[in-house]
Amino acid sequence: MNFSHPSALAILIFAFSLAPSQRPVPSGTPSRVPPTRDPHAAGFVTGTELADGTVPPAEEDGNFILGPTHTPARETLSRPDVSHGVVSELILSSVDSKFYPGIARDPGTFGTSDPNDPAKLIVTTSHPARYTRRVTVYVPKQYVAGTAAPFIVGADGPDPLLFNTLDNLIAEHRVPAMIAISISNGGGDAQGSERGLEYDTMSGRYADFVEQEVLPAVESRFHVKLTHDPEGRATMGGSSGGSCALIMAWYHPELYRRVLTYSGTYVNQQWPYDPQTPHGAWEFHEHLIPDSPRKPLRLWLEVGDRDLLNPHVMRDNFHDWVLANEDMARVLAAKGHHYQFLFARNAGHTDRTVKEQTLPEALEYLWEGYPVAPRNR
């Protein structure tokens, strides 16, 4: 779910009792003004307080507390002295997709909670609908024709901030010369929409769509080769695009191993209901990560102190974005994953200023251990 779309375009059973102040309050009118959360509240992970205006070291795992000042990193700005990658786009139509022929929810409608199970949402106004989507592709100047390039797949594209940042980081030999594939969603938001179906469904379907319908089109149209090495493939997104990024890697770790998320929607947004994952992406920290063998994933994730809390009619105790991301950090640590978690003070949902401050460091952390071209001497 996304109340402020980003421009863009990642286990031991752990029992824990939350302090009452940390639980969603399942009563009253849905709040569109989330409370400001304290990173040191009972039940939250212990994080390292960073000096205001600084970001964590790109090589360190763990939990960090950021802010309250969020000054854009210099690496996010376009620079005339740096070579710029080529940005192009192609259009995909739902009529050509075997994975996503298209749905939409009627404007002004949402759904109602199942009176027998508040974790289920009944949506009666979703129906087939066609769409087109843009796929925006960034190819760095350093790409060598004919070679298989590492790449990052981003949700809710296009993402000019990502492209600018890659220009600078690649030029400084801080990340590999990767291609960025920034995919727009199929429209709408949340349950009953095409975007919700693509991003919030707990399955390998979206990764299969990208693998079979997007990547071949990118290679053919732009005359590039994309690596098949999962260590050279990353996913990225914010809000439901963030949960989608992890879903891609979780269900297909043979395809993706690196995941970057802002305000990840690790909450109960899946529709239609699936009894295998009854709480949607909340299942990641509730059951899937704790109860599964550790997967070879590297994750960078962020949440804001004013991130979403119960933004709509569901009162199921599975719609607290801050708690969800805190619990993600807890179970990732318990399972021994390489991860970096940032709790951002003075930050809302998919906060643009936080992304401008942290994206360079996040990308460096994400690609730690992957070969980077040496500097010319």
Protein backbone atom coordinates (compact mmCIF):
# COMPACT_ATOMS: atom_id res chain seq x y z
CA MET A 1 0.00 0.00 0.00
CA ASN A 2 1.25 3.49 -0.70
CA PHE A 3 -0.24 6.77 0.53
CA SER A 4 2.74 8.70 -0.93
CA HIS A 5 4.05 6.85 -3.95
CA PRO A 6 7.85 6.92 -4.33
CA SER A 7 9.17 8.10 -7.65
CA ALA A 8 10.79 4.78 -8.19
CA LEU A 9 11.70 2.42 -9.12
CA ALA A 10 15.95 -7.52 1.85
CA ILE A 11 14.41 -17.22 11.57
CA LEU A 12 14.03 -19.38 14.93
CA ILE A 13 10.51 -19.06 16.21
CA PHE A 14 10.63 -15.84 18.20
CA ALA A 15 7.92 -15.35 20.81
CA PHE A 16 7.47 -11.83 22.02
CA SER A 17 4.93 -9.86 24.05
CA LEU A 18 4.44 -6.30 22.92
CA ALA A 19 4.00 -3.43 25.29
CA PRO A 20 0.42 -2.12 25.06
CA SER A 21 1.62 1.19 23.61
CA GLN A 22 3.15 -0.66 20.66
CA ARG A 23 0.03 -2.49 19.55
CA PRO A 24 -2.29 -1.11 16.87
CA VAL A 25 -5.49 0.14 18.46
CA PRO A 26 -8.35 -1.75 16.79
CA SER A 27 -11.08 0.82 17.29
CA GLY A 28 -12.27 4.16 16.02
CA THR A 29 -12.02 5.93 12.70
CA PRO A 30 -9.02 5.08 10.51
CA SER A 31 -6.23 7.56 11.19
CA ARG A 32 -4.49 9.33 8.30
CA VAL A 33 -2.15 11.15 10.73
CA PRO A 34 0.11 8.45 12.21
CA PRO A 35 1.62 8.98 15.66
CA THR A 36 5.34 9.67 16.08
CA ARG A 37 7.01 6.52 17.37
CA ASP A 38 9.96 6.35 19.75
CA PRO A 39 12.80 4.10 18.49
CA HIS A 40 13.62 3.27 22.11
CA ALA A 41 10.09 2.15 22.97
CA ALA A 42 9.69 -1.14 24.78
CA GLY A 43 9.81 -4.04 22.36
CA PHE A 44 11.67 -2.28 19.56
CA VAL A 45 15.13 -3.45 18.50
CA THR A 46 18.14 -1.73 20.00
CA GLY A 47 19.72 0.60 17.45
CA THR A 48 22.87 2.68 17.28
CA GLU A 49 22.10 6.41 17.48
CA LEU A 50 23.80 8.19 14.60
CA ALA A 51 24.97 11.78 14.77
CA ASP A 52 22.33 13.99 13.19
CA GLY A 53 22.81 14.28 9.44
CA THR A 54 24.98 11.15 9.14
CA VAL A 55 24.32 7.67 7.75
CA PRO A 56 25.68 4.29 8.86
CA PRO A 57 28.92 2.84 7.51
CA ALA A 58 28.11 0.99 4.29
CA GLU A 59 29.91 -2.14 5.45
CA GLU A 60 28.16 -2.61 8.83
CA ASP A 61 25.20 -4.86 9.61
CA GLY A 62 22.70 -4.01 12.32
CA ASN A 63 20.15 -1.45 13.49
CA PHE A 64 20.62 2.31 13.30
CA ILE A 65 18.61 5.41 14.28
CA LEU A 66 18.79 8.25 11.78
CA GLY A 67 17.85 11.92 11.79
CA PRO A 68 16.03 14.15 12.51
CA THR A 69 17.81 16.14 9.76
CA HIS A 70 17.76 14.66 6.27
CA THR A 71 20.07 16.53 3.93
CA PRO A 72 20.31 15.14 0.37
CA ALA A 73 23.51 13.20 -0.23
CA ARG A 74 25.75 14.77 -2.85
CA GLU A 75 25.72 11.50 -4.79
CA THR A 76 22.01 11.90 -5.54
CA LEU A 77 22.57 15.13 -7.47
CA SER A 78 23.25 15.32 -11.19
CA ARG A 79 26.83 16.38 -11.85
CA PRO A 80 28.17 17.76 -15.15
CA ASP A 81 31.60 16.19 -14.59
CA VAL A 82 30.23 12.64 -14.43
CA SER A 83 29.20 10.46 -17.38
CA HIS A 84 25.45 9.96 -17.50
CA GLY A 85 23.82 6.67 -18.32
CA VAL A 86 21.31 6.35 -21.13
CA VAL A 87 17.69 6.27 -19.94
CA SER A 88 15.11 4.74 -22.29
CA GLU A 89 11.68 3.25 -21.94
CA LEU A 90 9.38 0.67 -23.45
CA ILE A 91 5.65 0.12 -23.02
CA LEU A 92 4.06 -3.19 -22.06
CA SER A 93 0.34 -3.90 -22.46
CA SER A 94 -1.82 -6.15 -20.34
CA VAL A 95 -3.25 -7.75 -23.48
CA ASP A 96 0.16 -9.34 -24.05
CA SER A 97 0.66 -10.61 -20.48
CA LYS A 98 -0.06 -14.17 -19.43
CA PHE A 99 0.66 -13.24 -15.81
CA TYR A 100 -1.30 -10.01 -15.37
CA PRO A 101 -4.17 -9.50 -17.84
CA GLY A 102 -5.38 -6.68 -15.59
CA ILE A 103 -7.84 -5.81 -12.82
CA ALA A 104 -9.10 -2.57 -11.27
CA ARG A 105 -11.22 -1.56 -8.30
CA ASP A 106 -14.04 0.87 -8.91
CA PRO A 107 -13.14 4.48 -7.97
CA GLY A 108 -14.30 5.56 -4.53
CA THR A 109 -14.68 2.00 -3.26
CA PHE A 110 -12.54 -0.14 -0.99
CA GLY A 111 -13.82 -3.16 0.88
CA THR A 112 -15.25 -4.37 4.16
CA SER A 113 -13.75 -6.54 6.87
CA ASP A 114 -15.06 -10.06 7.08
CA PRO A 115 -17.22 -10.10 10.26
CA ASN A 116 -15.91 -13.60 11.02
CA ASP A 117 -12.23 -12.75 10.49
CA PRO A 118 -10.95 -9.15 10.62
CA ALA A 119 -7.76 -10.26 8.80
CA LYS A 120 -9.83 -10.86 5.66
CA LEU A 121 -11.04 -8.02 3.46
CA ILE A 122 -14.11 -8.52 1.28
CA VAL A 123 -13.75 -6.63 -2.01
CA THR A 124 -16.73 -6.80 -4.37
CA THR A 125 -15.87 -3.96 -6.75
CA SER A 126 -12.76 -5.39 -8.44
CA HIS A 127 -13.12 -6.43 -12.06
CA PRO A 128 -11.03 -7.12 -15.19
CA ALA A 129 -9.48 -4.00 -16.72
CA ARG A 130 -6.74 -3.41 -19.25
CA TYR A 131 -3.65 -1.29 -18.60
CA THR A 132 -0.30 -0.32 -20.05
CA ARG A 133 2.90 0.10 -18.08
CA ARG A 134 6.23 1.83 -18.64
CA VAL A 135 9.51 0.04 -18.15
CA THR A 136 12.29 2.62 -17.78
CA VAL A 137 15.80 1.31 -18.29
CA TYR A 138 19.06 2.94 -17.21
CA VAL A 139 22.22 1.69 -18.92
CA PRO A 140 25.45 3.16 -17.50
CA LYS A 141 28.05 4.62 -19.83
CA GLN A 142 30.48 2.04 -18.44
CA TYR A 143 28.44 -0.89 -19.76
CA VAL A 144 30.46 -2.99 -22.21
CA ALA A 145 28.30 -4.28 -25.06
CA GLY A 146 27.98 -8.02 -25.13
CA THR A 147 28.84 -8.56 -21.46
CA ALA A 148 26.34 -9.79 -18.88
CA ALA A 149 25.63 -6.90 -16.53
CA PRO A 150 24.43 -6.92 -12.94
CA PHE A 151 21.12 -5.16 -12.50
CA ILE A 152 18.55 -3.86 -10.05
CA VAL A 153 14.78 -4.13 -10.56
CA GLY A 154 12.74 -1.32 -9.01
CA ALA A 155 9.00 -0.94 -8.38
CA ASP A 156 6.77 2.07 -9.08
CA GLY A 157 9.08 3.41 -11.77
CA PRO A 158 10.54 5.49 -13.19
CA ASP A 159 13.10 6.49 -10.54
CA PRO A 160 15.33 9.41 -11.65
CA LEU A 161 16.87 9.65 -8.18
CA LEU A 162 18.18 6.12 -8.57
CA PHE A 163 19.60 6.89 -12.01
CA ASN A 164 21.43 10.01 -10.79
CA THR A 165 22.80 8.14 -7.82
CA LEU A 166 24.07 5.28 -9.97
CA ASP A 167 25.82 7.75 -12.29
CA ASN A 168 27.84 9.05 -9.35
CA LEU A 169 28.45 5.81 -7.46
CA ILE A 170 29.54 3.93 -10.58
CA ALA A 171 31.88 6.77 -11.55
CA GLU A 172 33.43 6.61 -8.07
CA HIS A 173 33.77 2.80 -8.27
CA ARG A 174 31.59 2.33 -5.19
CA VAL A 175 29.07 -0.01 -6.83
CA PRO A 176 29.25 -2.21 -9.93
CA ALA A 177 28.30 -0.80 -13.32
CA MET A 178 24.74 -2.06 -13.12
CA ILE A 179 21.69 -1.65 -15.31
CA ALA A 180 18.55 -0.37 -13.55
CA ILE A 181 15.12 -1.59 -14.66
CA SER A 182 12.41 0.61 -13.19
CA ILE A 183 8.96 -0.93 -13.74
CA SER A 184 5.75 1.02 -13.30
CA ASN A 185 2.83 -0.78 -11.68
CA GLY A 186 -0.38 -1.73 -13.46
CA GLY A 187 -2.49 0.92 -11.71
CA GLY A 188 -4.49 1.60 -8.57
CA ASP A 189 -3.46 0.75 -5.03
CA ALA A 190 -4.20 -1.77 -2.30
CA GLN A 191 -6.63 -4.68 -2.30
CA GLY A 192 -8.60 -5.19 -5.49
CA SER A 193 -6.23 -3.14 -7.65
CA GLU A 194 -3.66 -4.26 -10.20
CA ARG A 195 -0.83 -2.73 -8.18
CA GLY A 196 -2.01 -4.53 -5.06
CA LEU A 197 -2.27 -7.83 -6.91
CA GLU A 198 1.25 -7.48 -8.31
CA TYR A 199 3.03 -6.22 -5.21
CA ASP A 200 1.18 -7.70 -2.22
CA THR A 201 0.60 -11.28 -3.38
CA MET A 202 2.76 -13.74 -1.47
CA SER A 203 4.03 -15.90 -4.32
CA GLY A 204 6.68 -16.04 -7.02
CA ARG A 205 4.30 -14.73 -9.66
CA TYR A 206 5.66 -11.19 -9.98
CA ALA A 207 9.25 -12.43 -10.20
CA ASP A 208 8.12 -14.87 -12.89
CA PHE A 209 6.46 -12.00 -14.75
CA VAL A 210 9.67 -9.97 -14.62
CA GLU A 211 11.78 -12.96 -15.68
CA GLN A 212 9.61 -14.04 -18.59
CA GLU A 213 8.03 -10.83 -19.87
CA VAL A 214 10.13 -7.84 -18.76
CA LEU A 215 13.79 -8.91 -18.88
CA PRO A 216 13.61 -10.48 -22.35
CA ALA A 217 11.97 -7.30 -23.67
CA VAL A 218 14.72 -5.18 -22.09
CA GLU A 219 17.51 -7.29 -23.57
CA SER A 220 15.92 -7.32 -27.01
CA ARG A 221 14.95 -3.64 -27.19
CA PHE A 222 18.11 -2.13 -25.73
CA HIS A 223 20.71 -4.66 -26.89
CA VAL A 224 22.05 -5.51 -23.43
CA LYS A 225 22.74 -8.77 -21.64
CA LEU A 226 21.60 -9.29 -18.06
CA THR A 227 23.40 -11.59 -15.68
CA HIS A 228 21.85 -14.86 -14.53
CA ASP A 229 23.99 -14.82 -11.38
CA PRO A 230 21.59 -14.23 -8.45
CA GLU A 231 24.37 -12.38 -6.59
CA GLY A 232 24.34 -9.85 -9.43
CA ARG A 233 20.58 -9.25 -9.26
CA ALA A 234 18.88 -6.89 -6.79
CA THR A 235 15.33 -5.75 -6.10
CA MET A 236 14.16 -2.43 -4.71
CA GLY A 237 10.96 -0.63 -3.76
CA GLY A 238 9.00 1.44 -1.29
CA SER A 239 5.77 0.63 0.54
CA SER A 240 4.09 -2.29 -1.26
CA GLY A 241 6.87 -2.01 -3.82
CA GLY A 242 9.22 -2.81 -0.94
CA SER A 243 7.33 -5.90 0.16
CA CYS A 244 7.26 -6.90 -3.51
CA ALA A 245 11.06 -6.58 -3.64
CA LEU A 246 11.41 -9.07 -0.78
CA ILE A 247 8.67 -11.33 -2.15
CA MET A 248 10.62 -11.61 -5.41
CA ALA A 249 13.79 -12.70 -3.62
CA TRP A 250 12.10 -14.85 -1.00
CA TYR A 251 10.20 -17.01 -3.48
CA HIS A 252 13.01 -16.98 -6.05
CA PRO A 253 16.38 -16.81 -4.25
CA GLU A 254 17.88 -18.53 -7.28
CA LEU A 255 17.10 -15.28 -9.16
CA TYR A 256 17.64 -12.48 -6.59
CA ARG A 257 19.80 -12.19 -3.47
CA ARG A 258 19.85 -8.43 -2.67
CA VAL A 259 16.82 -6.46 -1.42
CA LEU A 260 16.40 -2.73 -0.62
CA THR A 261 13.16 -1.39 0.88
CA TYR A 262 11.79 1.92 2.14
CA SER A 263 8.73 1.70 4.44
CA GLY A 264 8.21 -1.91 3.39
CA THR A 265 4.59 -3.02 3.55
CA TYR A 266 5.28 -6.09 5.67
CA VAL A 267 1.63 -6.02 6.72
CA ASN A 268 -1.62 -7.75 5.79
CA GLN A 269 -2.37 -6.33 2.33
CA GLN A 270 -2.66 -9.52 0.27
CA TRP A 271 -5.84 -9.96 -1.77
CA PRO A 272 -7.36 -12.35 -2.69
CA TYR A 273 -6.98 -14.16 0.62
CA ASP A 274 -4.57 -17.08 0.64
CA PRO A 275 -4.84 -19.60 3.51
CA GLN A 276 -1.16 -20.51 3.02
CA THR A 277 -0.21 -16.95 4.04
CA PRO A 278 -3.35 -15.70 5.83
CA HIS A 279 -1.71 -12.48 7.08
CA GLY A 280 -0.07 -11.48 3.80
CA ALA A 281 3.43 -10.01 4.10
CA TRP A 282 3.04 -9.87 7.90
CA GLU A 283 3.82 -13.57 7.58
CA PHE A 284 7.45 -12.73 6.79
CA HIS A 285 8.24 -11.78 10.38
CA GLU A 286 5.44 -13.79 11.99
CA HIS A 287 6.24 -17.20 10.47
CA LEU A 288 8.17 -17.40 7.21
CA ILE A 289 11.58 -16.05 8.22
CA PRO A 290 11.57 -17.56 11.75
CA ASP A 291 10.34 -20.97 10.61
CA SER A 292 12.33 -21.42 7.39
CA PRO A 293 15.97 -22.30 6.75
CA ARG A 294 18.03 -19.13 6.34
CA LYS A 295 18.04 -17.97 2.73
CA PRO A 296 21.10 -16.39 1.08
CA LEU A 297 19.64 -12.87 1.09
CA ARG A 298 21.17 -9.48 1.95
CA LEU A 299 18.68 -6.80 2.98
CA TRP A 300 18.65 -3.05 3.58
CA LEU A 301 15.41 -1.69 5.06
CA GLU A 302 14.09 1.60 6.48
CA VAL A 303 11.00 2.83 8.29
CA GLY A 304 9.94 6.31 9.42
CA ASP A 305 8.90 7.32 12.92
CA ARG A 306 5.60 8.58 11.47
CA ASP A 307 5.04 5.64 9.17
CA LEU A 308 1.58 4.22 8.58
CA LEU A 309 -0.65 2.81 11.32
CA ASN A 310 -4.09 1.42 10.50
CA PRO A 311 -4.62 3.66 7.44
CA HIS A 312 -7.98 2.16 6.44
CA VAL A 313 -10.97 0.13 7.63
CA MET A 314 -9.17 -3.07 8.63
CA ARG A 315 -8.60 -3.45 12.37
CA ASP A 316 -6.77 -6.77 12.40
CA ASN A 317 -3.60 -5.82 14.37
CA PHE A 318 -1.57 -6.48 11.22
CA HIS A 319 -1.41 -2.93 9.81
CA ASP A 320 1.38 -1.23 11.77
CA TRP A 321 4.24 -0.41 9.39
CA VAL A 322 6.67 0.62 12.15
CA LEU A 323 6.11 -2.50 14.20
CA ALA A 324 6.30 -4.67 11.09
CA ASN A 325 9.69 -3.30 10.08
CA GLU A 326 10.97 -3.48 13.66
CA ASP A 327 9.94 -7.13 13.76
CA MET A 328 11.63 -7.70 10.41
CA ALA A 329 14.90 -6.46 11.92
CA ARG A 330 14.42 -8.71 14.94
CA VAL A 331 13.84 -11.93 13.00
CA LEU A 332 16.56 -11.18 10.45
CA ALA A 333 19.05 -10.76 13.28
CA ALA A 334 17.85 -13.91 15.01
CA LYS A 335 18.33 -15.89 11.83
CA GLY A 336 21.82 -14.52 11.19
CA HIS A 337 21.08 -12.58 8.01
CA HIS A 338 23.26 -9.79 6.70
CA TYR A 339 20.93 -6.82 7.00
CA GLN A 340 20.94 -3.11 7.81
CA PHE A 341 17.86 -1.49 9.34
CA LEU A 342 17.36 2.26 9.64
CA PHE A 343 14.73 3.83 11.90
CA ALA A 344 14.37 7.39 10.58
CA ARG A 345 13.30 10.17 12.93
CA ASN A 346 11.21 13.01 11.49
CA ALA A 347 10.09 10.83 8.59
CA GLY A 348 6.81 9.71 7.08
CA HIS A 349 5.89 6.86 4.78
CA THR A 350 8.40 6.40 1.93
CA ASP A 351 9.83 9.75 2.95
CA ARG A 352 11.53 11.46 0.01
CA THR A 353 14.05 13.35 2.14
CA VAL A 354 15.18 10.12 3.80
CA LYS A 355 15.67 8.46 0.44
CA GLU A 356 17.70 11.43 -0.80
CA GLN A 357 19.90 11.19 2.27
CA THR A 358 20.37 7.42 2.42
CA LEU A 359 20.15 5.95 -1.08
CA PRO A 360 23.90 6.08 -1.86
CA GLU A 361 24.82 4.32 1.38
CA ALA A 362 21.95 1.85 0.93
CA LEU A 363 23.18 0.87 -2.53
CA GLU A 364 26.75 0.50 -1.31
CA TYR A 365 25.59 -1.74 1.53
CA LEU A 366 23.36 -3.72 -0.80
CA TRP A 367 26.19 -4.51 -3.24
CA GLU A 368 28.82 -5.27 -0.61
CA GLY A 369 30.93 -8.23 -1.73
CA TYR A 370 30.11 -7.95 -5.43
CA PRO A 371 33.05 -7.15 -7.74
CA VAL A 372 33.46 -3.49 -8.67
CA ALA A 373 35.65 -2.33 -11.55
CA PRO A 374 39.00 -1.02 -10.23
CA ARG A 375 39.85 2.65 -10.57
CA ASN A 376 42.11 3.61 -13.47
CA ARG A 377 45.59 4.63 -12.40
